[in-house]
Structure formats: structure tokens, C-alpha cells
Amino acid sequence: MYSTKFLNKNQYGFITQTSTTDAIMALKDFVQEGFSESEITAIVSLDVEGAFNSTWAPKVLKKFT
């Protein structure tokens, strides 16, 4: 699957050397890029209950500052 590039580049679950931190950072970059490319503002809301239970919260929060 890796050699054929069958997996989506946004696949983070069950992939070696990827984590929930990688997923949240990709989302952060996506949102920041969207805001910088236009004057349109938006509210982003995610339902991630339980999705980041194994992520160290202080590290994630630091990346958002």
C-alpha cells in the first residue's frame, strides 16, 4: 500500500510514525493557510471527543500559540 501510494496523504491512523499530533498540526496548517489566502473569516468547529486521549495536551496547546 505504501509503494503504490494507495493511501491518502491525510491518513494518520494506523500508519507508522504518525500520531494524533501530526493530524492536529496538519489541520492547524490547513486553517492558517486558508485564512492567509483570503479576507474571509470563519469559525472552525471540530468534534474530536476522545480523538486525542493519548496526546499530551500541553504540547498541542503550545503549537497553537
C-alpha atoms as a PDB file:
ATOM      1  CA  MET A   1       0.000   0.000   0.000  1.00  0.00           C
ATOM      2  CA  TYR A   2       2.865   2.372   0.734  1.00  0.00           C
ATOM      3  CA  SER A   3       4.700   1.744  -2.518  1.00  0.00           C
ATOM      4  CA  THR A   4       1.583   2.198  -4.677  1.00  0.00           C
ATOM      5  CA  LYS A   5       0.611   5.442  -2.920  1.00  0.00           C
ATOM      6  CA  PHE A   6      -2.848   3.923  -2.373  1.00  0.00           C
ATOM      7  CA  LEU A   7      -3.268   5.707   0.956  1.00  0.00           C
ATOM      8  CA  ASN A   8      -4.417   9.298   1.157  1.00  0.00           C
ATOM      9  CA  LYS A   9      -1.713  11.720   2.298  1.00  0.00           C
ATOM     10  CA  ASN A  10      -4.087  12.816   5.073  1.00  0.00           C
ATOM     11  CA  GLN A  11      -4.275   9.312   6.555  1.00  0.00           C
ATOM     12  CA  TYR A  12      -2.752   9.361  10.039  1.00  0.00           C
ATOM     13  CA  GLY A  13      -4.418   6.479  11.848  1.00  0.00           C
ATOM     14  CA  PHE A  14      -2.678   3.104  11.816  1.00  0.00           C
ATOM     15  CA  ILE A  15       0.313   4.492   9.917  1.00  0.00           C
ATOM     16  CA  THR A  16       3.764   4.006  11.393  1.00  0.00           C
ATOM     17  CA  GLN A  17       5.481   7.119  12.697  1.00  0.00           C
ATOM     18  CA  THR A  18       2.311   9.241  12.617  1.00  0.00           C
ATOM     19  CA  SER A  19       0.198  10.352  15.531  1.00  0.00           C
ATOM     20  CA  THR A  20      -2.746  12.459  16.554  1.00  0.00           C
ATOM     21  CA  THR A  21      -0.290  15.324  16.969  1.00  0.00           C
ATOM     22  CA  ASP A  22       0.583  15.059  13.269  1.00  0.00           C
ATOM     23  CA  ALA A  23      -3.116  15.167  12.382  1.00  0.00           C
ATOM     24  CA  ILE A  24      -3.859  18.235  14.501  1.00  0.00           C
ATOM     25  CA  MET A  25      -0.806  20.072  13.164  1.00  0.00           C
ATOM     26  CA  ALA A  26      -1.906  19.346   9.575  1.00  0.00           C
ATOM     27  CA  LEU A  27      -5.320  20.762  10.427  1.00  0.00           C
ATOM     28  CA  LYS A  28      -3.754  23.855  12.018  1.00  0.00           C
ATOM     29  CA  ASP A  29      -1.631  24.466   8.908  1.00  0.00           C
ATOM     30  CA  PHE A  30      -4.654  23.982   6.635  1.00  0.00           C
ATOM     31  CA  VAL A  31      -6.742  26.502   8.568  1.00  0.00           C
ATOM     32  CA  GLN A  32      -3.916  29.057   8.795  1.00  0.00           C
ATOM     33  CA  GLU A  33      -3.274  28.773   5.064  1.00  0.00           C
ATOM     34  CA  GLY A  34      -6.952  29.298   4.334  1.00  0.00           C
ATOM     35  CA  PHE A  35      -7.078  32.421   6.487  1.00  0.00           C
ATOM     36  CA  SER A  36      -3.918  33.886   4.964  1.00  0.00           C
ATOM     37  CA  GLU A  37      -5.139  33.411   1.389  1.00  0.00           C
ATOM     38  CA  SER A  38      -8.362  35.346   1.764  1.00  0.00           C
ATOM     39  CA  GLU A  39     -10.057  38.029   3.767  1.00  0.00           C
ATOM     40  CA  ILE A  40     -12.887  35.691   4.651  1.00  0.00           C
ATOM     41  CA  THR A  41     -13.060  34.709   8.287  1.00  0.00           C
ATOM     42  CA  ALA A  42     -14.741  31.598   9.564  1.00  0.00           C
ATOM     43  CA  ILE A  43     -15.416  29.658  12.681  1.00  0.00           C
ATOM     44  CA  VAL A  44     -13.871  26.219  12.817  1.00  0.00           C
ATOM     45  CA  SER A  45     -15.568  23.661  14.996  1.00  0.00           C
ATOM     46  CA  LEU A  46     -14.434  20.087  15.441  1.00  0.00           C
ATOM     47  CA  ASP A  47     -15.994  17.217  17.302  1.00  0.00           C
ATOM     48  CA  VAL A  48     -12.926  15.348  18.481  1.00  0.00           C
ATOM     49  CA  GLU A  49     -14.216  13.863  21.718  1.00  0.00           C
ATOM     50  CA  GLY A  50     -11.844  11.068  22.619  1.00  0.00           C
ATOM     51  CA  ALA A  51      -9.767  11.528  19.460  1.00  0.00           C
ATOM     52  CA  PHE A  52      -6.744  12.906  21.268  1.00  0.00           C
ATOM     53  CA  ASN A  53      -6.808  10.990  24.542  1.00  0.00           C
ATOM     54  CA  SER A  54      -3.228   9.829  24.050  1.00  0.00           C
ATOM     55  CA  THR A  55      -1.850  13.215  23.032  1.00  0.00           C
ATOM     56  CA  TRP A  56      -0.013  15.309  25.590  1.00  0.00           C
ATOM     57  CA  ALA A  57      -2.277  18.371  25.795  1.00  0.00           C
ATOM     58  CA  PRO A  58       0.368  20.987  26.782  1.00  0.00           C
ATOM     59  CA  LYS A  59       2.406  20.200  23.662  1.00  0.00           C
ATOM     60  CA  VAL A  60      -0.639  20.525  21.378  1.00  0.00           C
ATOM     61  CA  LEU A  61      -1.714  23.784  23.005  1.00  0.00           C
ATOM     62  CA  LYS A  62       1.810  25.198  22.685  1.00  0.00           C
ATOM     63  CA  LYS A  63       1.750  24.545  18.939  1.00  0.00           C
ATOM     64  CA  PHE A  64      -1.390  26.681  18.638  1.00  0.00           C
ATOM     65  CA  THR A  65       0.217  29.732  20.205  1.00  0.00           C
END
